[in-house]
């Protein structure tokens, strides 16, 4: 059985989310901002090797038939992503404590 190799893609909106998190934390602690940024990026790099059976799944847009997964990083940051045939596309990154409506 051939293992599928998937590339992680960070579209502009997800990059912007990460920058907003970094900038917000940097106001209080530049060092912690870098630690969190690195942890989120490292977690995204691990997604291709993260067993699908352990990935939480929920459907954001039922009408489109797309299913999105999430991974919690450092107990409060969520990576929302979609798994394709050859890619893992990061759709959003957010701090679960900053805006409960998200």
PDB file of N, CA and C in Angstrom:
ATOM      1  N   UNK A   1       0.838  -1.184   0.000  1.00  0.00           N
ATOM      2  CA  UNK A   1       0.000   0.000   0.000  1.00  0.00           C
ATOM      3  C   UNK A   1       0.883   1.248   0.000  1.00  0.00           C
ATOM      4  N   UNK A   2       0.601   2.151  -0.921  1.00  0.00           N
ATOM      5  CA  UNK A   2       1.380   3.374  -1.053  1.00  0.00           C
ATOM      6  C   UNK A   2       0.758   4.451  -0.165  1.00  0.00           C
ATOM      7  N   UNK A   3       1.603   5.056   0.662  1.00  0.00           N
ATOM      8  CA  UNK A   3       1.131   6.123   1.542  1.00  0.00           C
ATOM      9  C   UNK A   3       1.030   7.418   0.744  1.00  0.00           C
ATOM     10  N   UNK A   4      -0.101   8.114   0.873  1.00  0.00           N
ATOM     11  CA  UNK A   4      -0.282   9.386   0.184  1.00  0.00           C
ATOM     12  C   UNK A   4       0.576  10.455   0.846  1.00  0.00           C
ATOM     13  N   UNK A   5       1.247  11.212   0.011  1.00  0.00           N
ATOM     14  CA  UNK A   5       2.043  12.327   0.513  1.00  0.00           C
ATOM     15  C   UNK A   5       1.230  13.592   0.278  1.00  0.00           C
ATOM     16  N   UNK A   6       1.014  14.331   1.336  1.00  0.00           N
ATOM     17  CA  UNK A   6       0.232  15.565   1.227  1.00  0.00           C
ATOM     18  C   UNK A   6       1.102  16.761   1.600  1.00  0.00           C
ATOM     19  N   UNK A   7       0.918  17.832   0.862  1.00  0.00           N
ATOM     20  CA  UNK A   7       1.615  19.081   1.106  1.00  0.00           C
ATOM     21  C   UNK A   7       0.696  20.017   1.877  1.00  0.00           C
ATOM     22  N   UNK A   8       1.233  20.688   2.882  1.00  0.00           N
ATOM     23  CA  UNK A   8       0.444  21.650   3.660  1.00  0.00           C
ATOM     24  C   UNK A   8       0.486  23.002   2.958  1.00  0.00           C
ATOM     25  N   UNK A   9      -0.694  23.561   2.738  1.00  0.00           N
ATOM     26  CA  UNK A   9      -0.824  24.851   2.063  1.00  0.00           C
ATOM     27  C   UNK A   9      -1.412  25.870   3.044  1.00  0.00           C
ATOM     28  N   UNK A  10      -0.790  27.030   3.102  1.00  0.00           N
ATOM     29  CA  UNK A  10      -1.261  28.139   3.944  1.00  0.00           C
ATOM     30  C   UNK A  10      -1.738  29.277   3.025  1.00  0.00           C
ATOM     31  N   UNK A  11      -3.036  29.334   2.685  1.00  0.00           N
ATOM     32  CA  UNK A  11      -3.538  30.454   1.884  1.00  0.00           C
ATOM     33  C   UNK A  11      -3.421  31.773   2.663  1.00  0.00           C
ATOM     34  N   UNK A  12      -3.540  32.875   1.955  1.00  0.00           N
ATOM     35  CA  UNK A  12      -3.388  34.208   2.563  1.00  0.00           C
ATOM     36  C   UNK A  12      -4.275  34.433   3.792  1.00  0.00           C
ATOM     37  N   UNK A  13      -5.561  34.050   3.785  1.00  0.00           N
ATOM     38  CA  UNK A  13      -6.376  34.298   4.989  1.00  0.00           C
ATOM     39  C   UNK A  13      -5.844  33.573   6.236  1.00  0.00           C
ATOM     40  N   UNK A  14      -5.350  32.360   6.076  1.00  0.00           N
ATOM     41  CA  UNK A  14      -4.798  31.623   7.225  1.00  0.00           C
ATOM     42  C   UNK A  14      -3.502  32.269   7.704  1.00  0.00           C
ATOM     43  N   UNK A  15      -2.685  32.733   6.766  1.00  0.00           N
ATOM     44  CA  UNK A  15      -1.452  33.439   7.145  1.00  0.00           C
ATOM     45  C   UNK A  15      -1.787  34.709   7.916  1.00  0.00           C
ATOM     46  N   UNK A  16      -2.839  35.389   7.478  1.00  0.00           N
ATOM     47  CA  UNK A  16      -3.276  36.609   8.151  1.00  0.00           C
ATOM     48  C   UNK A  16      -3.760  36.299   9.571  1.00  0.00           C
ATOM     49  N   UNK A  17      -4.487  35.193   9.728  1.00  0.00           N
ATOM     50  CA  UNK A  17      -4.930  34.769  11.061  1.00  0.00           C
ATOM     51  C   UNK A  17      -3.732  34.565  11.986  1.00  0.00           C
ATOM     52  N   UNK A  18      -2.726  33.869  11.476  1.00  0.00           N
ATOM     53  CA  UNK A  18      -1.532  33.586  12.278  1.00  0.00           C
ATOM     54  C   UNK A  18      -0.822  34.886  12.661  1.00  0.00           C
ATOM     55  N   UNK A  19      -0.733  35.822  11.722  1.00  0.00           N
ATOM     56  CA  UNK A  19      -0.080  37.109  12.006  1.00  0.00           C
ATOM     57  C   UNK A  19      -0.848  37.896  13.070  1.00  0.00           C
ATOM     58  N   UNK A  20      -2.171  37.860  13.004  1.00  0.00           N
ATOM     59  CA  UNK A  20      -2.984  38.563  14.010  1.00  0.00           C
ATOM     60  C   UNK A  20      -2.762  37.983  15.402  1.00  0.00           C
ATOM     61  N   UNK A  21      -2.695  36.664  15.495  1.00  0.00           N
ATOM     62  CA  UNK A  21      -2.432  36.013  16.787  1.00  0.00           C
ATOM     63  C   UNK A  21      -1.060  36.424  17.296  1.00  0.00           C
ATOM     64  N   UNK A  22      -0.066  36.358  16.402  1.00  0.00           N
ATOM     65  CA  UNK A  22       1.303  36.721  16.769  1.00  0.00           C
ATOM     66  C   UNK A  22       1.356  38.170  17.269  1.00  0.00           C
ATOM     67  N   UNK A  23       0.774  39.075  16.493  1.00  0.00           N
ATOM     68  CA  UNK A  23       0.811  40.502  16.853  1.00  0.00           C
ATOM     69  C   UNK A  23       0.115  40.772  18.184  1.00  0.00           C
ATOM     70  N   UNK A  24      -0.997  40.086  18.428  1.00  0.00           N
ATOM     71  CA  UNK A  24      -1.726  40.277  19.684  1.00  0.00           C
ATOM     72  C   UNK A  24      -0.884  39.822  20.883  1.00  0.00           C
ATOM     73  N   UNK A  25      -0.301  38.642  20.789  1.00  0.00           N
ATOM     74  CA  UNK A  25       0.505  38.113  21.898  1.00  0.00           C
ATOM     75  C   UNK A  25       1.778  38.936  22.073  1.00  0.00           C
ATOM     76  N   UNK A  26       2.322  39.419  20.976  1.00  0.00           N
ATOM     77  CA  UNK A  26       3.577  40.188  21.009  1.00  0.00           C
ATOM     78  C   UNK A  26       3.440  41.456  21.851  1.00  0.00           C
ATOM     79  N   UNK A  27       2.237  42.004  21.937  1.00  0.00           N
ATOM     80  CA  UNK A  27       2.024  43.206  22.746  1.00  0.00           C
ATOM     81  C   UNK A  27       2.374  42.954  24.209  1.00  0.00           C
ATOM     82  N   UNK A  28       2.129  41.740  24.679  1.00  0.00           N
ATOM     83  CA  UNK A  28       2.416  41.379  26.063  1.00  0.00           C
ATOM     84  C   UNK A  28       3.778  40.697  26.222  1.00  0.00           C
ATOM     85  N   UNK A  29       4.110  39.845  25.243  1.00  0.00           N
ATOM     86  CA  UNK A  29       5.334  39.066  25.371  1.00  0.00           C
ATOM     87  C   UNK A  29       5.870  38.655  23.993  1.00  0.00           C
ATOM     88  N   UNK A  30       6.846  39.391  23.473  1.00  0.00           N
ATOM     89  CA  UNK A  30       7.424  39.029  22.171  1.00  0.00           C
ATOM     90  C   UNK A  30       7.973  37.594  22.154  1.00  0.00           C
ATOM     91  N   UNK A  31       8.547  37.179  23.260  1.00  0.00           N
ATOM     92  CA  UNK A  31       9.113  35.831  23.331  1.00  0.00           C
ATOM     93  C   UNK A  31       7.996  34.776  23.240  1.00  0.00           C
ATOM     94  N   UNK A  32       6.915  34.967  23.967  1.00  0.00           N
ATOM     95  CA  UNK A  32       5.807  34.019  23.932  1.00  0.00           C
ATOM     96  C   UNK A  32       5.128  34.020  22.559  1.00  0.00           C
ATOM     97  N   UNK A  33       5.063  35.174  21.921  1.00  0.00           N
ATOM     98  CA  UNK A  33       4.465  35.265  20.586  1.00  0.00           C
ATOM     99  C   UNK A  33       5.219  34.357  19.617  1.00  0.00           C
ATOM    100  N   UNK A  34       6.528  34.363  19.709  1.00  0.00           N
ATOM    101  CA  UNK A  34       7.340  33.516  18.830  1.00  0.00           C
ATOM    102  C   UNK A  34       7.149  32.036  19.163  1.00  0.00           C
ATOM    103  N   UNK A  35       7.045  31.701  20.437  1.00  0.00           N
ATOM    104  CA  UNK A  35       6.827  30.309  20.856  1.00  0.00           C
ATOM    105  C   UNK A  35       5.494  29.793  20.305  1.00  0.00           C
ATOM    106  N   UNK A  36       4.445  30.600  20.411  1.00  0.00           N
ATOM    107  CA  UNK A  36       3.129  30.196  19.929  1.00  0.00           C
ATOM    108  C   UNK A  36       3.135  30.075  18.409  1.00  0.00           C
ATOM    109  N   UNK A  37       3.705  31.050  17.726  1.00  0.00           N
ATOM    110  CA  UNK A  37       3.784  31.006  16.255  1.00  0.00           C
ATOM    111  C   UNK A  37       4.482  29.738  15.791  1.00  0.00           C
ATOM    112  N   UNK A  38       5.607  29.429  16.414  1.00  0.00           N
ATOM    113  CA  UNK A  38       6.376  28.236  16.045  1.00  0.00           C
ATOM    114  C   UNK A  38       5.574  26.961  16.322  1.00  0.00           C
ATOM    115  N   UNK A  39       4.876  26.914  17.453  1.00  0.00           N
ATOM    116  CA  UNK A  39       4.080  25.731  17.797  1.00  0.00           C
ATOM    117  C   UNK A  39       2.968  25.499  16.768  1.00  0.00           C
ATOM    118  N   UNK A  40       2.328  26.575  16.330  1.00  0.00           N
ATOM    119  CA  UNK A  40       1.256  26.450  15.339  1.00  0.00           C
ATOM    120  C   UNK A  40       1.815  25.981  13.999  1.00  0.00           C
ATOM    121  N   UNK A  41       2.917  26.574  13.576  1.00  0.00           N
ATOM    122  CA  UNK A  41       3.530  26.168  12.306  1.00  0.00           C
ATOM    123  C   UNK A  41       4.011  24.721  12.381  1.00  0.00           C
ATOM    124  N   UNK A  42       4.644  24.356  13.487  1.00  0.00           N
ATOM    125  CA  UNK A  42       5.115  22.972  13.647  1.00  0.00           C
ATOM    126  C   UNK A  42       3.953  21.981  13.622  1.00  0.00           C
ATOM    127  N   UNK A  43       2.838  22.337  14.268  1.00  0.00           N
ATOM    128  CA  UNK A  43       1.664  21.459  14.274  1.00  0.00           C
ATOM    129  C   UNK A  43       1.124  21.281  12.857  1.00  0.00           C
ATOM    130  N   UNK A  44       1.161  22.347  12.059  1.00  0.00           N
ATOM    131  CA  UNK A  44       0.672  22.232  10.676  1.00  0.00           C
ATOM    132  C   UNK A  44       1.571  21.313   9.861  1.00  0.00           C
ATOM    133  N   UNK A  45       2.868  21.356  10.121  1.00  0.00           N
ATOM    134  CA  UNK A  45       3.810  20.491   9.396  1.00  0.00           C
ATOM    135  C   UNK A  45       3.617  19.019   9.756  1.00  0.00           C
ATOM    136  N   UNK A  46       3.095  18.758  10.939  1.00  0.00           N
ATOM    137  CA  UNK A  46       2.865  17.379  11.389  1.00  0.00           C
ATOM    138  C   UNK A  46       1.565  16.790  10.848  1.00  0.00           C
ATOM    139  N   UNK A  47       0.676  17.622  10.324  1.00  0.00           N
ATOM    140  CA  UNK A  47      -0.634  17.142   9.883  1.00  0.00           C
ATOM    141  C   UNK A  47      -0.574  15.987   8.875  1.00  0.00           C
ATOM    142  N   UNK A  48       0.339  16.010   7.897  1.00  0.00           N
ATOM    143  CA  UNK A  48       0.372  14.879   6.960  1.00  0.00           C
ATOM    144  C   UNK A  48       0.669  13.540   7.634  1.00  0.00           C
ATOM    145  N   UNK A  49       1.304  13.561   8.784  1.00  0.00           N
ATOM    146  CA  UNK A  49       1.640  12.327   9.495  1.00  0.00           C
ATOM    147  C   UNK A  49       0.712  12.040  10.668  1.00  0.00           C
ATOM    148  N   UNK A  50      -0.237  12.933  10.881  1.00  0.00           N
ATOM    149  CA  UNK A  50      -1.174  12.821  11.999  1.00  0.00           C
ATOM    150  C   UNK A  50      -2.271  11.853  11.584  1.00  0.00           C
ATOM    151  N   UNK A  51      -2.403  10.702  12.231  1.00  0.00           N
ATOM    152  CA  UNK A  51      -3.365   9.686  11.785  1.00  0.00           C
ATOM    153  C   UNK A  51      -4.791  10.222  11.684  1.00  0.00           C
ATOM    154  N   UNK A  52      -5.429   9.969  10.562  1.00  0.00           N
ATOM    155  CA  UNK A  52      -6.777  10.449  10.324  1.00  0.00           C
ATOM    156  C   UNK A  52      -7.749  10.002  11.405  1.00  0.00           C
ATOM    157  N   UNK A  53      -7.549   8.812  11.943  1.00  0.00           N
ATOM    158  CA  UNK A  53      -8.501   8.309  12.931  1.00  0.00           C
ATOM    159  C   UNK A  53      -8.503   9.128  14.217  1.00  0.00           C
ATOM    160  N   UNK A  54      -7.448   9.928  14.458  1.00  0.00           N
ATOM    161  CA  UNK A  54      -7.391  10.754  15.662  1.00  0.00           C
ATOM    162  C   UNK A  54      -7.843  12.191  15.405  1.00  0.00           C
ATOM    163  N   UNK A  55      -8.147  12.504  14.162  1.00  0.00           N
ATOM    164  CA  UNK A  55      -8.501  13.875  13.836  1.00  0.00           C
ATOM    165  C   UNK A  55      -9.975  14.116  14.065  1.00  0.00           C
ATOM    166  N   UNK A  56     -10.281  15.141  14.843  1.00  0.00           N
ATOM    167  CA  UNK A  56     -11.671  15.526  15.080  1.00  0.00           C
ATOM    168  C   UNK A  56     -12.217  16.089  13.775  1.00  0.00           C
ATOM    169  N   UNK A  57     -13.455  15.828  13.491  1.00  0.00           N
ATOM    170  CA  UNK A  57     -14.031  16.302  12.243  1.00  0.00           C
ATOM    171  C   UNK A  57     -15.386  16.932  12.486  1.00  0.00           C
ATOM    172  N   UNK A  58     -15.650  17.957  11.769  1.00  0.00           N
ATOM    173  CA  UNK A  58     -16.968  18.535  11.769  1.00  0.00           C
ATOM    174  C   UNK A  58     -17.180  19.197  10.411  1.00  0.00           C
ATOM    175  N   UNK A  59     -18.399  19.343  10.022  1.00  0.00           N
ATOM    176  CA  UNK A  59     -18.708  19.930   8.723  1.00  0.00           C
ATOM    177  C   UNK A  59     -19.141  21.368   8.941  1.00  0.00           C
ATOM    178  N   UNK A  60     -18.407  22.289   8.334  1.00  0.00           N
ATOM    179  CA  UNK A  60     -18.726  23.712   8.457  1.00  0.00           C
ATOM    180  C   UNK A  60     -19.779  24.097   7.426  1.00  0.00           C
ATOM    181  N   UNK A  61     -19.590  23.638   6.218  1.00  0.00           N
ATOM    182  CA  UNK A  61     -20.481  24.023   5.121  1.00  0.00           C
ATOM    183  C   UNK A  61     -21.135  22.774   4.549  1.00  0.00           C
ATOM    184  N   UNK A  62     -22.231  22.364   5.149  1.00  0.00           N
ATOM    185  CA  UNK A  62     -22.907  21.143   4.723  1.00  0.00           C
ATOM    186  C   UNK A  62     -23.364  21.214   3.272  1.00  0.00           C
ATOM    187  N   UNK A  63     -23.751  22.384   2.845  1.00  0.00           N
ATOM    188  CA  UNK A  63     -24.262  22.532   1.478  1.00  0.00           C
ATOM    189  C   UNK A  63     -23.192  22.267   0.428  1.00  0.00           C
ATOM    190  N   UNK A  64     -21.958  22.442   0.777  1.00  0.00           N
ATOM    191  CA  UNK A  64     -20.895  22.226  -0.202  1.00  0.00           C
ATOM    192  C   UNK A  64     -20.317  20.822  -0.131  1.00  0.00           C
ATOM    193  N   UNK A  65     -20.674  20.081   0.914  1.00  0.00           N
ATOM    194  CA  UNK A  65     -20.149  18.725   1.046  1.00  0.00           C
ATOM    195  C   UNK A  65     -18.707  18.673   1.510  1.00  0.00           C
ATOM    196  N   UNK A  66     -18.148  19.800   1.881  1.00  0.00           N
ATOM    197  CA  UNK A  66     -16.755  19.837   2.345  1.00  0.00           C
ATOM    198  C   UNK A  66     -16.716  19.508   3.825  1.00  0.00           C
ATOM    199  N   UNK A  67     -15.710  18.747   4.226  1.00  0.00           N
ATOM    200  CA  UNK A  67     -15.561  18.474   5.657  1.00  0.00           C
ATOM    201  C   UNK A  67     -14.226  19.031   6.128  1.00  0.00           C
ATOM    202  N   UNK A  68     -14.271  19.630   7.291  1.00  0.00           N
ATOM    203  CA  UNK A  68     -13.089  20.279   7.845  1.00  0.00           C
ATOM    204  C   UNK A  68     -12.701  19.593   9.143  1.00  0.00           C
ATOM    205  N   UNK A  69     -11.429  19.567   9.394  1.00  0.00           N
ATOM    206  CA  UNK A  69     -10.885  18.973  10.597  1.00  0.00           C
ATOM    207  C   UNK A  69     -10.274  20.092  11.432  1.00  0.00           C
ATOM    208  N   UNK A  70     -10.054  19.795  12.702  1.00  0.00           N
ATOM    209  CA  UNK A  70      -9.315  20.772  13.494  1.00  0.00           C
ATOM    210  C   UNK A  70      -8.336  20.062  14.404  1.00  0.00           C
ATOM    211  N   UNK A  71      -7.305  20.779  14.746  1.00  0.00           N
ATOM    212  CA  UNK A  71      -6.315  20.300  15.702  1.00  0.00           C
ATOM    213  C   UNK A  71      -6.051  21.422  16.687  1.00  0.00           C
ATOM    214  N   UNK A  72      -6.111  21.112  17.946  1.00  0.00           N
ATOM    215  CA  UNK A  72      -5.852  22.099  18.984  1.00  0.00           C
ATOM    216  C   UNK A  72      -4.342  22.156  19.231  1.00  0.00           C
ATOM    217  N   UNK A  73      -3.821  23.364  19.298  1.00  0.00           N
ATOM    218  CA  UNK A  73      -2.391  23.584  19.527  1.00  0.00           C
ATOM    219  C   UNK A  73      -2.243  24.392  20.807  1.00  0.00           C
ATOM    220  N   UNK A  74      -1.404  23.936  21.689  1.00  0.00           N
ATOM    221  CA  UNK A  74      -1.133  24.632  22.959  1.00  0.00           C
ATOM    222  C   UNK A  74      -2.416  24.909  23.751  1.00  0.00           C
ATOM    223  N   UNK A  75      -3.352  23.998  23.700  1.00  0.00           N
ATOM    224  CA  UNK A  75      -4.594  24.001  24.475  1.00  0.00           C
ATOM    225  C   UNK A  75      -5.581  25.115  24.141  1.00  0.00           C
ATOM    226  N   UNK A  76      -5.273  26.043  23.255  1.00  0.00           N
ATOM    227  CA  UNK A  76      -6.246  27.099  22.999  1.00  0.00           C
ATOM    228  C   UNK A  76      -6.280  27.620  21.568  1.00  0.00           C
ATOM    229  N   UNK A  77      -5.383  27.160  20.734  1.00  0.00           N
ATOM    230  CA  UNK A  77      -5.372  27.609  19.346  1.00  0.00           C
ATOM    231  C   UNK A  77      -5.856  26.476  18.453  1.00  0.00           C
ATOM    232  N   UNK A  78      -6.738  26.804  17.522  1.00  0.00           N
ATOM    233  CA  UNK A  78      -7.262  25.778  16.622  1.00  0.00           C
ATOM    234  C   UNK A  78      -6.784  26.022  15.201  1.00  0.00           C
ATOM    235  N   UNK A  79      -6.309  24.944  14.604  1.00  0.00           N
ATOM    236  CA  UNK A  79      -6.000  24.925  13.178  1.00  0.00           C
ATOM    237  C   UNK A  79      -7.202  24.260  12.510  1.00  0.00           C
ATOM    238  N   UNK A  80      -7.857  24.953  11.612  1.00  0.00           N
ATOM    239  CA  UNK A  80      -8.967  24.385  10.856  1.00  0.00           C
ATOM    240  C   UNK A  80      -8.407  24.074   9.473  1.00  0.00           C
ATOM    241  N   UNK A  81      -8.620  22.837   9.014  1.00  0.00           N
ATOM    242  CA  UNK A  81      -8.025  22.455   7.734  1.00  0.00           C
ATOM    243  C   UNK A  81      -8.887  21.455   6.991  1.00  0.00           C
ATOM    244  N   UNK A  82      -8.622  21.378   5.696  1.00  0.00           N
ATOM    245  CA  UNK A  82      -9.323  20.452   4.818  1.00  0.00           C
ATOM    246  C   UNK A  82      -8.289  19.515   4.204  1.00  0.00           C
ATOM    247  N   UNK A  83      -8.614  18.239   4.182  1.00  0.00           N
ATOM    248  CA  UNK A  83      -7.694  17.248   3.628  1.00  0.00           C
ATOM    249  C   UNK A  83      -8.126  16.917   2.201  1.00  0.00           C
ATOM    250  N   UNK A  84      -7.220  17.151   1.271  1.00  0.00           N
ATOM    251  CA  UNK A  84      -7.463  16.805  -0.128  1.00  0.00           C
ATOM    252  C   UNK A  84      -6.642  15.582  -0.506  1.00  0.00           C
ATOM    253  N   UNK A  85      -6.697  15.223  -1.762  1.00  0.00           N
ATOM    254  CA  UNK A  85      -5.945  14.055  -2.244  1.00  0.00           C
ATOM    255  C   UNK A  85      -4.441  14.232  -2.062  1.00  0.00           C
ATOM    256  N   UNK A  86      -3.935  15.429  -2.385  1.00  0.00           N
ATOM    257  CA  UNK A  86      -2.492  15.668  -2.315  1.00  0.00           C
ATOM    258  C   UNK A  86      -2.119  16.848  -1.427  1.00  0.00           C
ATOM    259  N   UNK A  87      -3.119  17.490  -0.824  1.00  0.00           N
ATOM    260  CA  UNK A  87      -2.843  18.677  -0.005  1.00  0.00           C
ATOM    261  C   UNK A  87      -3.614  18.647   1.306  1.00  0.00           C
ATOM    262  N   UNK A  88      -3.107  19.413   2.228  1.00  0.00           N
ATOM    263  CA  UNK A  88      -3.841  19.767   3.444  1.00  0.00           C
ATOM    264  C   UNK A  88      -3.850  21.284   3.437  1.00  0.00           C
ATOM    265  N   UNK A  89      -5.034  21.840   3.334  1.00  0.00           N
ATOM    266  CA  UNK A  89      -5.185  23.292   3.203  1.00  0.00           C
ATOM    267  C   UNK A  89      -5.632  23.875   4.544  1.00  0.00           C
ATOM    268  N   UNK A  90      -4.798  24.733   5.101  1.00  0.00           N
ATOM    269  CA  UNK A  90      -5.140  25.413   6.345  1.00  0.00           C
ATOM    270  C   UNK A  90      -6.181  26.483   6.000  1.00  0.00           C
ATOM    271  N   UNK A  91      -7.362  26.359   6.578  1.00  0.00           N
ATOM    272  CA  UNK A  91      -8.437  27.302   6.279  1.00  0.00           C
ATOM    273  C   UNK A  91      -8.467  28.470   7.256  1.00  0.00           C
ATOM    274  N   UNK A  92      -8.126  28.210   8.519  1.00  0.00           N
ATOM    275  CA  UNK A  92      -8.168  29.268   9.530  1.00  0.00           C
ATOM    276  C   UNK A  92      -7.343  28.849  10.741  1.00  0.00           C
ATOM    277  N   UNK A  93      -6.904  29.846  11.473  1.00  0.00           N
ATOM    278  CA  UNK A  93      -6.215  29.632  12.746  1.00  0.00           C
ATOM    279  C   UNK A  93      -6.822  30.649  13.699  1.00  0.00           C
ATOM    280  N   UNK A  94      -7.207  30.185  14.879  1.00  0.00           N
ATOM    281  CA  UNK A  94      -7.725  31.178  15.812  1.00  0.00           C
ATOM    282  C   UNK A  94      -7.515  30.765  17.256  1.00  0.00           C
ATOM    283  N   UNK A  95      -7.547  31.792  18.084  1.00  0.00           N
ATOM    284  CA  UNK A  95      -7.410  31.633  19.532  1.00  0.00           C
ATOM    285  C   UNK A  95      -8.811  31.447  20.082  1.00  0.00           C
ATOM    286  N   UNK A  96      -9.080  30.300  20.649  1.00  0.00           N
ATOM    287  CA  UNK A  96     -10.431  29.994  21.137  1.00  0.00           C
ATOM    288  C   UNK A  96     -10.855  30.889  22.291  1.00  0.00           C
ATOM    289  N   UNK A  97      -9.922  31.552  22.931  1.00  0.00           N
ATOM    290  CA  UNK A  97     -10.260  32.434  24.044  1.00  0.00           C
ATOM    291  C   UNK A  97     -10.535  33.863  23.589  1.00  0.00           C
ATOM    292  N   UNK A  98     -10.135  34.212  22.371  1.00  0.00           N
ATOM    293  CA  UNK A  98     -10.254  35.614  21.949  1.00  0.00           C
ATOM    294  C   UNK A  98     -11.648  35.984  21.463  1.00  0.00           C
ATOM    295  N   UNK A  99     -12.357  35.051  20.812  1.00  0.00           N
ATOM    296  CA  UNK A  99     -13.681  35.364  20.286  1.00  0.00           C
ATOM    297  C   UNK A  99     -14.533  34.105  20.293  1.00  0.00           C
ATOM    298  N   UNK A 100     -15.315  33.899  21.338  1.00  0.00           N
ATOM    299  CA  UNK A 100     -16.118  32.678  21.452  1.00  0.00           C
ATOM    300  C   UNK A 100     -17.072  32.460  20.282  1.00  0.00           C
ATOM    301  N   UNK A 101     -17.480  33.512  19.594  1.00  0.00           N
ATOM    302  CA  UNK A 101     -18.396  33.373  18.456  1.00  0.00           C
ATOM    303  C   UNK A 101     -17.761  32.619  17.305  1.00  0.00           C
ATOM    304  N   UNK A 102     -16.438  32.639  17.208  1.00  0.00           N
ATOM    305  CA  UNK A 102     -15.759  31.920  16.130  1.00  0.00           C
ATOM    306  C   UNK A 102     -15.936  30.439  16.317  1.00  0.00           C
TER     307      UNK A 102
END
